[in-house]
Amino acid sequence: MIEPLKVAAQWMENAGAIIALVMDPSSRWRLEDGSAAVENMLIASTALGYGSCWLEGYTLPREEEFKTLLNIPAEKRLLTLIPIGVPIEWPTREKKPLKEVIHWEKF
């Protein structure tokens, strides 16, 4: 199934798995719940030594195509695809000092 899904992002062909996050649009909190679920999956995959990525921006334009491919019921929404695999390299970045990224009481 990875082959037809990689149209969202060519580099996904190297993923070991791709999770499709499907939401019920009638749920009042679907975006909040879905976002929390995605973040937990990203954190868990990193903790297990895997790389992952949230692909909502690449998924949304092809939602209907992917829903058909994955046999997702018409009344559901595909929030995102989450490829997971062994990264070719881990990005490194120096952390900014806390005083540069936090604001107290006012921005």
PDB file of N, CA and C in Angstrom:
ATOM      1  N   MET A   1       0.810  -1.193   0.000  1.00  0.00           N
ATOM      2  CA  MET A   1       0.000   0.000   0.000  1.00  0.00           C
ATOM      3  C   MET A   1       0.859   1.265   0.000  1.00  0.00           C
ATOM      4  N   ILE A   2       2.141   1.146   0.383  1.00  0.00           N
ATOM      5  CA  ILE A   2       3.007   2.324   0.423  1.00  0.00           C
ATOM      6  C   ILE A   2       3.192   2.916  -0.974  1.00  0.00           C
ATOM      7  N   GLU A   3       3.315   2.067  -1.971  1.00  0.00           N
ATOM      8  CA  GLU A   3       3.555   2.545  -3.344  1.00  0.00           C
ATOM      9  C   GLU A   3       2.506   3.562  -3.808  1.00  0.00           C
ATOM     10  N   PRO A   4       1.210   3.275  -3.728  1.00  0.00           N
ATOM     11  CA  PRO A   4       0.250   4.275  -4.197  1.00  0.00           C
ATOM     12  C   PRO A   4       0.106   5.477  -3.263  1.00  0.00           C
ATOM     13  N   LEU A   5       0.465   5.334  -1.995  1.00  0.00           N
ATOM     14  CA  LEU A   5       0.367   6.459  -1.062  1.00  0.00           C
ATOM     15  C   LEU A   5       1.525   7.444  -1.201  1.00  0.00           C
ATOM     16  N   LYS A   6       2.628   7.005  -1.769  1.00  0.00           N
ATOM     17  CA  LYS A   6       3.814   7.864  -1.840  1.00  0.00           C
ATOM     18  C   LYS A   6       3.631   9.067  -2.754  1.00  0.00           C
ATOM     19  N   VAL A   7       2.501   9.151  -3.466  1.00  0.00           N
ATOM     20  CA  VAL A   7       2.250  10.359  -4.252  1.00  0.00           C
ATOM     21  C   VAL A   7       2.114  11.577  -3.344  1.00  0.00           C
ATOM     22  N   ALA A   8       1.833  11.353  -2.059  1.00  0.00           N
ATOM     23  CA  ALA A   8       1.765  12.455  -1.096  1.00  0.00           C
ATOM     24  C   ALA A   8       3.147  13.041  -0.853  1.00  0.00           C
ATOM     25  N   ALA A   9       4.165  12.206  -0.859  1.00  0.00           N
ATOM     26  CA  ALA A   9       5.553  12.636  -0.672  1.00  0.00           C
ATOM     27  C   ALA A   9       6.444  11.485  -1.132  1.00  0.00           C
ATOM     28  N   GLN A  10       7.242  11.707  -2.139  1.00  0.00           N
ATOM     29  CA  GLN A  10       8.046  10.654  -2.764  1.00  0.00           C
ATOM     30  C   GLN A  10       8.922   9.907  -1.756  1.00  0.00           C
ATOM     31  N   TRP A  11       9.449  10.613  -0.766  1.00  0.00           N
ATOM     32  CA  TRP A  11      10.349   9.969   0.195  1.00  0.00           C
ATOM     33  C   TRP A  11       9.636   8.924   1.059  1.00  0.00           C
ATOM     34  N   MET A  12       8.299   8.894   1.033  1.00  0.00           N
ATOM     35  CA  MET A  12       7.568   7.899   1.832  1.00  0.00           C
ATOM     36  C   MET A  12       7.815   6.473   1.355  1.00  0.00           C
ATOM     37  N   GLU A  13       8.357   6.307   0.159  1.00  0.00           N
ATOM     38  CA  GLU A  13       8.611   4.960  -0.329  1.00  0.00           C
ATOM     39  C   GLU A  13       9.589   4.206   0.574  1.00  0.00           C
ATOM     40  N   ASN A  14      10.352   4.937   1.384  1.00  0.00           N
ATOM     41  CA  ASN A  14      11.297   4.307   2.306  1.00  0.00           C
ATOM     42  C   ASN A  14      10.697   4.008   3.672  1.00  0.00           C
ATOM     43  N   ALA A  15       9.439   4.364   3.885  1.00  0.00           N
ATOM     44  CA  ALA A  15       8.797   4.119   5.177  1.00  0.00           C
ATOM     45  C   ALA A  15       8.552   2.627   5.371  1.00  0.00           C
ATOM     46  N   GLY A  16       8.617   2.219   6.624  1.00  0.00           N
ATOM     47  CA  GLY A  16       8.298   0.834   6.955  1.00  0.00           C
ATOM     48  C   GLY A  16       6.795   0.625   7.067  1.00  0.00           C
ATOM     49  N   ALA A  17       6.095   1.681   7.425  1.00  0.00           N
ATOM     50  CA  ALA A  17       4.638   1.648   7.575  1.00  0.00           C
ATOM     51  C   ALA A  17       4.101   3.065   7.433  1.00  0.00           C
ATOM     52  N   ILE A  18       2.841   3.171   7.083  1.00  0.00           N
ATOM     53  CA  ILE A  18       2.166   4.462   7.018  1.00  0.00           C
ATOM     54  C   ILE A  18       0.843   4.319   7.765  1.00  0.00           C
ATOM     55  N   ILE A  19       0.642   5.155   8.753  1.00  0.00           N
ATOM     56  CA  ILE A  19      -0.606   5.147   9.513  1.00  0.00           C
ATOM     57  C   ILE A  19      -1.539   6.177   8.893  1.00  0.00           C
ATOM     58  N   ALA A  20      -2.770   5.777   8.631  1.00  0.00           N
ATOM     59  CA  ALA A  20      -3.805   6.696   8.149  1.00  0.00           C
ATOM     60  C   ALA A  20      -4.694   7.019   9.344  1.00  0.00           C
ATOM     61  N   LEU A  21      -4.771   8.284   9.696  1.00  0.00           N
ATOM     62  CA  LEU A  21      -5.594   8.692  10.829  1.00  0.00           C
ATOM     63  C   LEU A  21      -6.961   9.123  10.308  1.00  0.00           C
ATOM     64  N   VAL A  22      -7.971   8.337  10.627  1.00  0.00           N
ATOM     65  CA  VAL A  22      -9.331   8.547  10.148  1.00  0.00           C
ATOM     66  C   VAL A  22     -10.182   9.067  11.298  1.00  0.00           C
ATOM     67  N   MET A  23     -10.928  10.128  11.005  1.00  0.00           N
ATOM     68  CA  MET A  23     -11.734  10.782  12.035  1.00  0.00           C
ATOM     69  C   MET A  23     -13.214  10.764  11.658  1.00  0.00           C
ATOM     70  N   ASP A  24     -14.061  10.833  12.677  1.00  0.00           N
ATOM     71  CA  ASP A  24     -15.502  10.949  12.498  1.00  0.00           C
ATOM     72  C   ASP A  24     -15.854  12.432  12.500  1.00  0.00           C
ATOM     73  N   PRO A  25     -16.297  12.992  11.372  1.00  0.00           N
ATOM     74  CA  PRO A  25     -16.557  14.426  11.320  1.00  0.00           C
ATOM     75  C   PRO A  25     -17.703  14.881  12.221  1.00  0.00           C
ATOM     76  N   SER A  26     -18.502  13.946  12.720  1.00  0.00           N
ATOM     77  CA  SER A  26     -19.587  14.344  13.617  1.00  0.00           C
ATOM     78  C   SER A  26     -19.089  14.571  15.044  1.00  0.00           C
ATOM     79  N   SER A  27     -17.849  14.178  15.329  1.00  0.00           N
ATOM     80  CA  SER A  27     -17.272  14.384  16.654  1.00  0.00           C
ATOM     81  C   SER A  27     -16.889  15.849  16.831  1.00  0.00           C
ATOM     82  N   ARG A  28     -17.378  16.447  17.879  1.00  0.00           N
ATOM     83  CA  ARG A  28     -17.100  17.858  18.148  1.00  0.00           C
ATOM     84  C   ARG A  28     -15.612  18.137  18.303  1.00  0.00           C
ATOM     85  N   TRP A  29     -14.882  17.196  18.833  1.00  0.00           N
ATOM     86  CA  TRP A  29     -13.469  17.399  19.164  1.00  0.00           C
ATOM     87  C   TRP A  29     -12.532  16.639  18.229  1.00  0.00           C
ATOM     88  N   ARG A  30     -12.992  16.345  17.018  1.00  0.00           N
ATOM     89  CA  ARG A  30     -12.186  15.499  16.129  1.00  0.00           C
ATOM     90  C   ARG A  30     -10.804  16.074  15.829  1.00  0.00           C
ATOM     91  N   LEU A  31     -10.697  17.370  15.603  1.00  0.00           N
ATOM     92  CA  LEU A  31      -9.380  17.942  15.284  1.00  0.00           C
ATOM     93  C   LEU A  31      -8.456  17.938  16.495  1.00  0.00           C
ATOM     94  N   GLU A  32      -8.991  18.273  17.657  1.00  0.00           N
ATOM     95  CA  GLU A  32      -8.179  18.255  18.873  1.00  0.00           C
ATOM     96  C   GLU A  32      -7.745  16.824  19.208  1.00  0.00           C
ATOM     97  N   ASP A  33      -8.700  15.885  19.167  1.00  0.00           N
ATOM     98  CA  ASP A  33      -8.380  14.488  19.470  1.00  0.00           C
ATOM     99  C   ASP A  33      -7.419  13.904  18.445  1.00  0.00           C
ATOM    100  N   GLY A  34      -7.664  14.198  17.174  1.00  0.00           N
ATOM    101  CA  GLY A  34      -6.785  13.694  16.127  1.00  0.00           C
ATOM    102  C   GLY A  34      -5.385  14.260  16.234  1.00  0.00           C
ATOM    103  N   SER A  35      -5.294  15.562  16.522  1.00  0.00           N
ATOM    104  CA  SER A  35      -3.982  16.201  16.669  1.00  0.00           C
ATOM    105  C   SER A  35      -3.216  15.613  17.849  1.00  0.00           C
ATOM    106  N   ALA A  36      -3.913  15.395  18.957  1.00  0.00           N
ATOM    107  CA  ALA A  36      -3.265  14.791  20.131  1.00  0.00           C
ATOM    108  C   ALA A  36      -2.799  13.369  19.813  1.00  0.00           C
ATOM    109  N   ALA A  37      -3.614  12.621  19.085  1.00  0.00           N
ATOM    110  CA  ALA A  37      -3.234  11.257  18.713  1.00  0.00           C
ATOM    111  C   ALA A  37      -1.990  11.253  17.829  1.00  0.00           C
ATOM    112  N   VAL A  38      -1.961  12.163  16.851  1.00  0.00           N
ATOM    113  CA  VAL A  38      -0.799  12.254  15.965  1.00  0.00           C
ATOM    114  C   VAL A  38       0.452  12.595  16.770  1.00  0.00           C
ATOM    115  N   GLU A  39       0.365  13.600  17.624  1.00  0.00           N
ATOM    116  CA  GLU A  39       1.538  14.004  18.417  1.00  0.00           C
ATOM    117  C   GLU A  39       2.044  12.847  19.269  1.00  0.00           C
ATOM    118  N   ASN A  40       1.123  12.094  19.876  1.00  0.00           N
ATOM    119  CA  ASN A  40       1.538  10.939  20.673  1.00  0.00           C
ATOM    120  C   ASN A  40       2.215   9.876  19.819  1.00  0.00           C
ATOM    121  N   MET A  41       1.726   9.674  18.601  1.00  0.00           N
ATOM    122  CA  MET A  41       2.371   8.705  17.698  1.00  0.00           C
ATOM    123  C   MET A  41       3.769   9.166  17.302  1.00  0.00           C
ATOM    124  N   LEU A  42       3.923  10.473  17.039  1.00  0.00           N
ATOM    125  CA  LEU A  42       5.237  11.005  16.675  1.00  0.00           C
ATOM    126  C   LEU A  42       6.227  10.851  17.826  1.00  0.00           C
ATOM    127  N   ILE A  43       5.787  11.167  19.029  1.00  0.00           N
ATOM    128  CA  ILE A  43       6.655  11.040  20.208  1.00  0.00           C
ATOM    129  C   ILE A  43       6.996   9.576  20.453  1.00  0.00           C
ATOM    130  N   ALA A  44       5.995   8.698  20.368  1.00  0.00           N
ATOM    131  CA  ALA A  44       6.239   7.275  20.612  1.00  0.00           C
ATOM    132  C   ALA A  44       7.185   6.689  19.573  1.00  0.00           C
ATOM    133  N   SER A  45       7.018   7.054  18.308  1.00  0.00           N
ATOM    134  CA  SER A  45       7.914   6.498  17.287  1.00  0.00           C
ATOM    135  C   SER A  45       9.349   6.952  17.520  1.00  0.00           C
ATOM    136  N   THR A  46       9.541   8.213  17.912  1.00  0.00           N
ATOM    137  CA  THR A  46      10.887   8.704  18.216  1.00  0.00           C
ATOM    138  C   THR A  46      11.469   7.965  19.415  1.00  0.00           C
ATOM    139  N   ALA A  47      10.654   7.756  20.437  1.00  0.00           N
ATOM    140  CA  ALA A  47      11.119   7.037  21.635  1.00  0.00           C
ATOM    141  C   ALA A  47      11.537   5.605  21.298  1.00  0.00           C
ATOM    142  N   LEU A  48      10.928   5.028  20.272  1.00  0.00           N
ATOM    143  CA  LEU A  48      11.256   3.668  19.853  1.00  0.00           C
ATOM    144  C   LEU A  48      12.391   3.624  18.824  1.00  0.00           C
ATOM    145  N   GLY A  49      12.926   4.794  18.481  1.00  0.00           N
ATOM    146  CA  GLY A  49      14.057   4.850  17.561  1.00  0.00           C
ATOM    147  C   GLY A  49      13.688   4.998  16.100  1.00  0.00           C
ATOM    148  N   TYR A  50      12.450   5.359  15.829  1.00  0.00           N
ATOM    149  CA  TYR A  50      11.996   5.534  14.451  1.00  0.00           C
ATOM    150  C   TYR A  50      11.768   7.007  14.144  1.00  0.00           C
ATOM    151  N   GLY A  51      11.770   7.322  12.883  1.00  0.00           N
ATOM    152  CA  GLY A  51      11.424   8.656  12.438  1.00  0.00           C
ATOM    153  C   GLY A  51       9.985   8.650  11.957  1.00  0.00           C
ATOM    154  N   SER A  52       9.347   9.793  12.028  1.00  0.00           N
ATOM    155  CA  SER A  52       7.965   9.908  11.573  1.00  0.00           C
ATOM    156  C   SER A  52       7.706  11.346  11.139  1.00  0.00           C
ATOM    157  N   CYS A  53       6.580  11.543  10.488  1.00  0.00           N
ATOM    158  CA  CYS A  53       6.262  12.882   9.992  1.00  0.00           C
ATOM    159  C   CYS A  53       4.751  13.020   9.842  1.00  0.00           C
ATOM    160  N   TRP A  54       4.233  14.186  10.190  1.00  0.00           N
ATOM    161  CA  TRP A  54       2.812  14.500  10.017  1.00  0.00           C
ATOM    162  C   TRP A  54       2.647  15.059   8.615  1.00  0.00           C
ATOM    163  N   LEU A  55       1.803  14.437   7.786  1.00  0.00           N
ATOM    164  CA  LEU A  55       1.676  14.826   6.385  1.00  0.00           C
ATOM    165  C   LEU A  55       0.341  15.461   6.028  1.00  0.00           C
ATOM    166  N   GLU A  56      -0.303  16.144   6.920  1.00  0.00           N
ATOM    167  CA  GLU A  56      -1.629  16.692   6.648  1.00  0.00           C
ATOM    168  C   GLU A  56      -1.636  17.578   5.413  1.00  0.00           C
ATOM    169  N   GLY A  57      -0.688  18.454   5.282  1.00  0.00           N
ATOM    170  CA  GLY A  57      -0.651  19.355   4.134  1.00  0.00           C
ATOM    171  C   GLY A  57      -0.509  18.640   2.809  1.00  0.00           C
ATOM    172  N   TYR A  58       0.078  17.467   2.815  1.00  0.00           N
ATOM    173  CA  TYR A  58       0.224  16.671   1.608  1.00  0.00           C
ATOM    174  C   TYR A  58      -0.977  15.750   1.411  1.00  0.00           C
ATOM    175  N   THR A  59      -1.667  15.447   2.502  1.00  0.00           N
ATOM    176  CA  THR A  59      -2.775  14.503   2.464  1.00  0.00           C
ATOM    177  C   THR A  59      -4.075  15.161   2.023  1.00  0.00           C
ATOM    178  N   LEU A  60      -4.376  16.321   2.557  1.00  0.00           N
ATOM    179  CA  LEU A  60      -5.664  16.967   2.324  1.00  0.00           C
ATOM    180  C   LEU A  60      -6.034  17.117   0.845  1.00  0.00           C
ATOM    181  N   PRO A  61      -5.115  17.565  -0.022  1.00  0.00           N
ATOM    182  CA  PRO A  61      -5.493  17.709  -1.439  1.00  0.00           C
ATOM    183  C   PRO A  61      -5.858  16.385  -2.115  1.00  0.00           C
ATOM    184  N   ARG A  62      -5.425  15.264  -1.548  1.00  0.00           N
ATOM    185  CA  ARG A  62      -5.676  13.952  -2.142  1.00  0.00           C
ATOM    186  C   ARG A  62      -6.579  13.086  -1.259  1.00  0.00           C
ATOM    187  N   GLU A  63      -7.298  13.743  -0.353  1.00  0.00           N
ATOM    188  CA  GLU A  63      -8.107  12.981   0.606  1.00  0.00           C
ATOM    189  C   GLU A  63      -9.048  11.990  -0.072  1.00  0.00           C
ATOM    190  N   GLU A  64      -9.809  12.419  -1.048  1.00  0.00           N
ATOM    191  CA  GLU A  64     -10.778  11.520  -1.688  1.00  0.00           C
ATOM    192  C   GLU A  64     -10.079  10.351  -2.384  1.00  0.00           C
ATOM    193  N   GLU A  65      -8.972  10.630  -3.028  1.00  0.00           N
ATOM    194  CA  GLU A  65      -8.190   9.573  -3.679  1.00  0.00           C
ATOM    195  C   GLU A  65      -7.717   8.536  -2.655  1.00  0.00           C
ATOM    196  N   PHE A  66      -7.190   9.013  -1.520  1.00  0.00           N
ATOM    197  CA  PHE A  66      -6.688   8.099  -0.496  1.00  0.00           C
ATOM    198  C   PHE A  66      -7.827   7.354   0.205  1.00  0.00           C
ATOM    199  N   LYS A  67      -8.953   8.032   0.409  1.00  0.00           N
ATOM    200  CA  LYS A  67     -10.105   7.359   1.026  1.00  0.00           C
ATOM    201  C   LYS A  67     -10.559   6.192   0.153  1.00  0.00           C
ATOM    202  N   THR A  68     -10.604   6.399  -1.151  1.00  0.00           N
ATOM    203  CA  THR A  68     -10.982   5.327  -2.070  1.00  0.00           C
ATOM    204  C   THR A  68      -9.964   4.200  -2.005  1.00  0.00           C
ATOM    205  N   LEU A  69      -8.703   4.537  -2.079  1.00  0.00           N
ATOM    206  CA  LEU A  69      -7.624   3.550  -2.047  1.00  0.00           C
ATOM    207  C   LEU A  69      -7.656   2.709  -0.765  1.00  0.00           C
ATOM    208  N   LEU A  70      -7.923   3.364   0.368  1.00  0.00           N
ATOM    209  CA  LEU A  70      -7.900   2.692   1.674  1.00  0.00           C
ATOM    210  C   LEU A  70      -9.275   2.167   2.098  1.00  0.00           C
ATOM    211  N   ASN A  71     -10.264   2.340   1.232  1.00  0.00           N
ATOM    212  CA  ASN A  71     -11.622   1.875   1.522  1.00  0.00           C
ATOM    213  C   ASN A  71     -12.202   2.519   2.786  1.00  0.00           C
ATOM    214  N   ILE A  72     -11.922   3.808   2.966  1.00  0.00           N
ATOM    215  CA  ILE A  72     -12.436   4.562   4.114  1.00  0.00           C
ATOM    216  C   ILE A  72     -13.866   4.975   3.781  1.00  0.00           C
ATOM    217  N   PRO A  73     -14.815   4.744   4.696  1.00  0.00           N
ATOM    218  CA  PRO A  73     -16.202   5.117   4.424  1.00  0.00           C
ATOM    219  C   PRO A  73     -16.347   6.598   4.062  1.00  0.00           C
ATOM    220  N   ALA A  74     -17.279   6.880   3.170  1.00  0.00           N
ATOM    221  CA  ALA A  74     -17.479   8.240   2.658  1.00  0.00           C
ATOM    222  C   ALA A  74     -17.753   9.251   3.762  1.00  0.00           C
ATOM    223  N   GLU A  75     -18.433   8.827   4.829  1.00  0.00           N
ATOM    224  CA  GLU A  75     -18.801   9.762   5.896  1.00  0.00           C
ATOM    225  C   GLU A  75     -17.651  10.069   6.862  1.00  0.00           C
ATOM    226  N   LYS A  76     -16.510   9.425   6.714  1.00  0.00           N
ATOM    227  CA  LYS A  76     -15.342   9.674   7.571  1.00  0.00           C
ATOM    228  C   LYS A  76     -14.391  10.643   6.880  1.00  0.00           C
ATOM    229  N   ARG A  77     -13.470  11.202   7.639  1.00  0.00           N
ATOM    230  CA  ARG A  77     -12.447  12.114   7.104  1.00  0.00           C
ATOM    231  C   ARG A  77     -11.067  11.522   7.359  1.00  0.00           C
ATOM    232  N   LEU A  78     -10.194  11.684   6.403  1.00  0.00           N
ATOM    233  CA  LEU A  78      -8.797  11.295   6.550  1.00  0.00           C
ATOM    234  C   LEU A  78      -8.047  12.538   7.011  1.00  0.00           C
ATOM    235  N   LEU A  79      -7.638  12.553   8.265  1.00  0.00           N
ATOM    236  CA  LEU A  79      -6.959  13.725   8.805  1.00  0.00           C
ATOM    237  C   LEU A  79      -5.539  13.839   8.277  1.00  0.00           C
ATOM    238  N   THR A  80      -4.814  12.723   8.277  1.00  0.00           N
ATOM    239  CA  THR A  80      -3.423  12.764   7.845  1.00  0.00           C
ATOM    240  C   THR A  80      -2.881  11.361   7.605  1.00  0.00           C
ATOM    241  N   LEU A  81      -1.740  11.322   6.971  1.00  0.00           N
ATOM    242  CA  LEU A  81      -0.932  10.105   6.860  1.00  0.00           C
ATOM    243  C   LEU A  81       0.314  10.318   7.700  1.00  0.00           C
ATOM    244  N   ILE A  82       0.765   9.264   8.372  1.00  0.00           N
ATOM    245  CA  ILE A  82       1.954   9.350   9.212  1.00  0.00           C
ATOM    246  C   ILE A  82       2.910   8.224   8.815  1.00  0.00           C
ATOM    247  N   PRO A  83       3.890   8.510   7.959  1.00  0.00           N
ATOM    248  CA  PRO A  83       4.889   7.492   7.638  1.00  0.00           C
ATOM    249  C   PRO A  83       5.845   7.303   8.815  1.00  0.00           C
ATOM    250  N   ILE A  84       6.215   6.051   9.050  1.00  0.00           N
ATOM    251  CA  ILE A  84       7.135   5.722  10.136  1.00  0.00           C
ATOM    252  C   ILE A  84       8.196   4.789   9.580  1.00  0.00           C
ATOM    253  N   GLY A  85       9.448   5.041   9.944  1.00  0.00           N
ATOM    254  CA  GLY A  85      10.526   4.175   9.490  1.00  0.00           C
ATOM    255  C   GLY A  85      11.847   4.564  10.116  1.00  0.00           C
ATOM    256  N   VAL A  86      12.893   3.936   9.648  1.00  0.00           N
ATOM    257  CA  VAL A  86      14.237   4.230  10.131  1.00  0.00           C
ATOM    258  C   VAL A  86      14.751   5.415   9.309  1.00  0.00           C
ATOM    259  N   PRO A  87      15.061   6.520   9.970  1.00  0.00           N
ATOM    260  CA  PRO A  87      15.508   7.694   9.215  1.00  0.00           C
ATOM    261  C   PRO A  87      16.907   7.500   8.629  1.00  0.00           C
ATOM    262  N   ILE A  88      17.128   8.103   7.466  1.00  0.00           N
ATOM    263  CA  ILE A  88      18.454   8.063   6.849  1.00  0.00           C
ATOM    264  C   ILE A  88      19.432   8.818   7.735  1.00  0.00           C
ATOM    265  N   GLU A  89      18.956   9.929   8.288  1.00  0.00           N
ATOM    266  CA  GLU A  89      19.767  10.688   9.238  1.00  0.00           C
ATOM    267  C   GLU A  89      18.827  11.406  10.198  1.00  0.00           C
ATOM    268  N   TRP A  90      19.307  11.654  11.392  1.00  0.00           N
ATOM    269  CA  TRP A  90      18.531  12.406  12.376  1.00  0.00           C
ATOM    270  C   TRP A  90      18.942  13.865  12.277  1.00  0.00           C
ATOM    271  N   PRO A  91      17.974  14.748  12.146  1.00  0.00           N
ATOM    272  CA  PRO A  91      18.336  16.169  12.114  1.00  0.00           C
ATOM    273  C   PRO A  91      18.886  16.603  13.470  1.00  0.00           C
ATOM    274  N   THR A  92      19.840  17.489  13.425  1.00  0.00           N
ATOM    275  CA  THR A  92      20.382  18.033  14.673  1.00  0.00           C
ATOM    276  C   THR A  92      20.197  19.542  14.650  1.00  0.00           C
ATOM    277  N   ARG A  93      19.878  20.071  15.782  1.00  0.00           N
ATOM    278  CA  ARG A  93      19.653  21.498  15.885  1.00  0.00           C
ATOM    279  C   ARG A  93      19.942  21.902  17.328  1.00  0.00           C
ATOM    280  N   GLU A  94      20.645  23.003  17.481  1.00  0.00           N
ATOM    281  CA  GLU A  94      20.897  23.490  18.831  1.00  0.00           C
ATOM    282  C   GLU A  94      19.616  24.036  19.415  1.00  0.00           C
ATOM    283  N   LYS A  95      19.409  23.760  20.685  1.00  0.00           N
ATOM    284  CA  LYS A  95      18.227  24.297  21.355  1.00  0.00           C
ATOM    285  C   LYS A  95      18.438  25.764  21.662  1.00  0.00           C
ATOM    286  N   LYS A  96      17.361  26.527  21.492  1.00  0.00           N
ATOM    287  CA  LYS A  96      17.404  27.939  21.850  1.00  0.00           C
ATOM    288  C   LYS A  96      17.269  28.061  23.360  1.00  0.00           C
ATOM    289  N   PRO A  97      17.832  29.114  23.926  1.00  0.00           N
ATOM    290  CA  PRO A  97      17.622  29.344  25.354  1.00  0.00           C
ATOM    291  C   PRO A  97      16.137  29.554  25.635  1.00  0.00           C
ATOM    292  N   LEU A  98      15.690  29.120  26.787  1.00  0.00           N
ATOM    293  CA  LEU A  98      14.287  29.222  27.159  1.00  0.00           C
ATOM    294  C   LEU A  98      13.761  30.647  27.034  1.00  0.00           C
ATOM    295  N   LYS A  99      14.575  31.625  27.397  1.00  0.00           N
ATOM    296  CA  LYS A  99      14.113  33.008  27.340  1.00  0.00           C
ATOM    297  C   LYS A  99      13.811  33.469  25.914  1.00  0.00           C
ATOM    298  N   GLU A 100      14.296  32.748  24.894  1.00  0.00           N
ATOM    299  CA  GLU A 100      14.005  33.086  23.504  1.00  0.00           C
ATOM    300  C   GLU A 100      12.710  32.468  22.991  1.00  0.00           C
ATOM    301  N   VAL A 101      12.194  31.462  23.677  1.00  0.00           N
ATOM    302  CA  VAL A 101      11.017  30.766  23.168  1.00  0.00           C
ATOM    303  C   VAL A 101       9.802  30.845  24.084  1.00  0.00           C
ATOM    304  N   ILE A 102       9.932  31.452  25.231  1.00  0.00           N
ATOM    305  CA  ILE A 102       8.812  31.556  26.154  1.00  0.00           C
ATOM    306  C   ILE A 102       8.563  33.020  26.501  1.00  0.00           C
ATOM    307  N   HIS A 103       7.325  33.338  26.650  1.00  0.00           N
ATOM    308  CA  HIS A 103       6.925  34.703  27.023  1.00  0.00           C
ATOM    309  C   HIS A 103       6.034  34.604  28.247  1.00  0.00           C
ATOM    310  N   TRP A 104       6.268  35.428  29.214  1.00  0.00           N
ATOM    311  CA  TRP A 104       5.476  35.414  30.445  1.00  0.00           C
ATOM    312  C   TRP A 104       4.404  36.491  30.393  1.00  0.00           C
ATOM    313  N   GLU A 105       3.178  36.084  30.532  1.00  0.00           N
ATOM    314  CA  GLU A 105       1.993  36.940  30.617  1.00  0.00           C
ATOM    315  C   GLU A 105       1.654  37.686  29.334  1.00  0.00           C
ATOM    316  N   LYS A 106       2.621  38.167  28.588  1.00  0.00           N
ATOM    317  CA  LYS A 106       2.381  38.848  27.319  1.00  0.00           C
ATOM    318  C   LYS A 106       3.414  38.402  26.299  1.00  0.00           C
ATOM    319  N   PHE A 107       3.022  38.453  25.044  1.00  0.00           N
ATOM    320  CA  PHE A 107       3.954  38.108  23.980  1.00  0.00           C
ATOM    321  C   PHE A 107       4.934  39.229  23.835  1.00  0.00           C
TER     322      PHE A 107
END
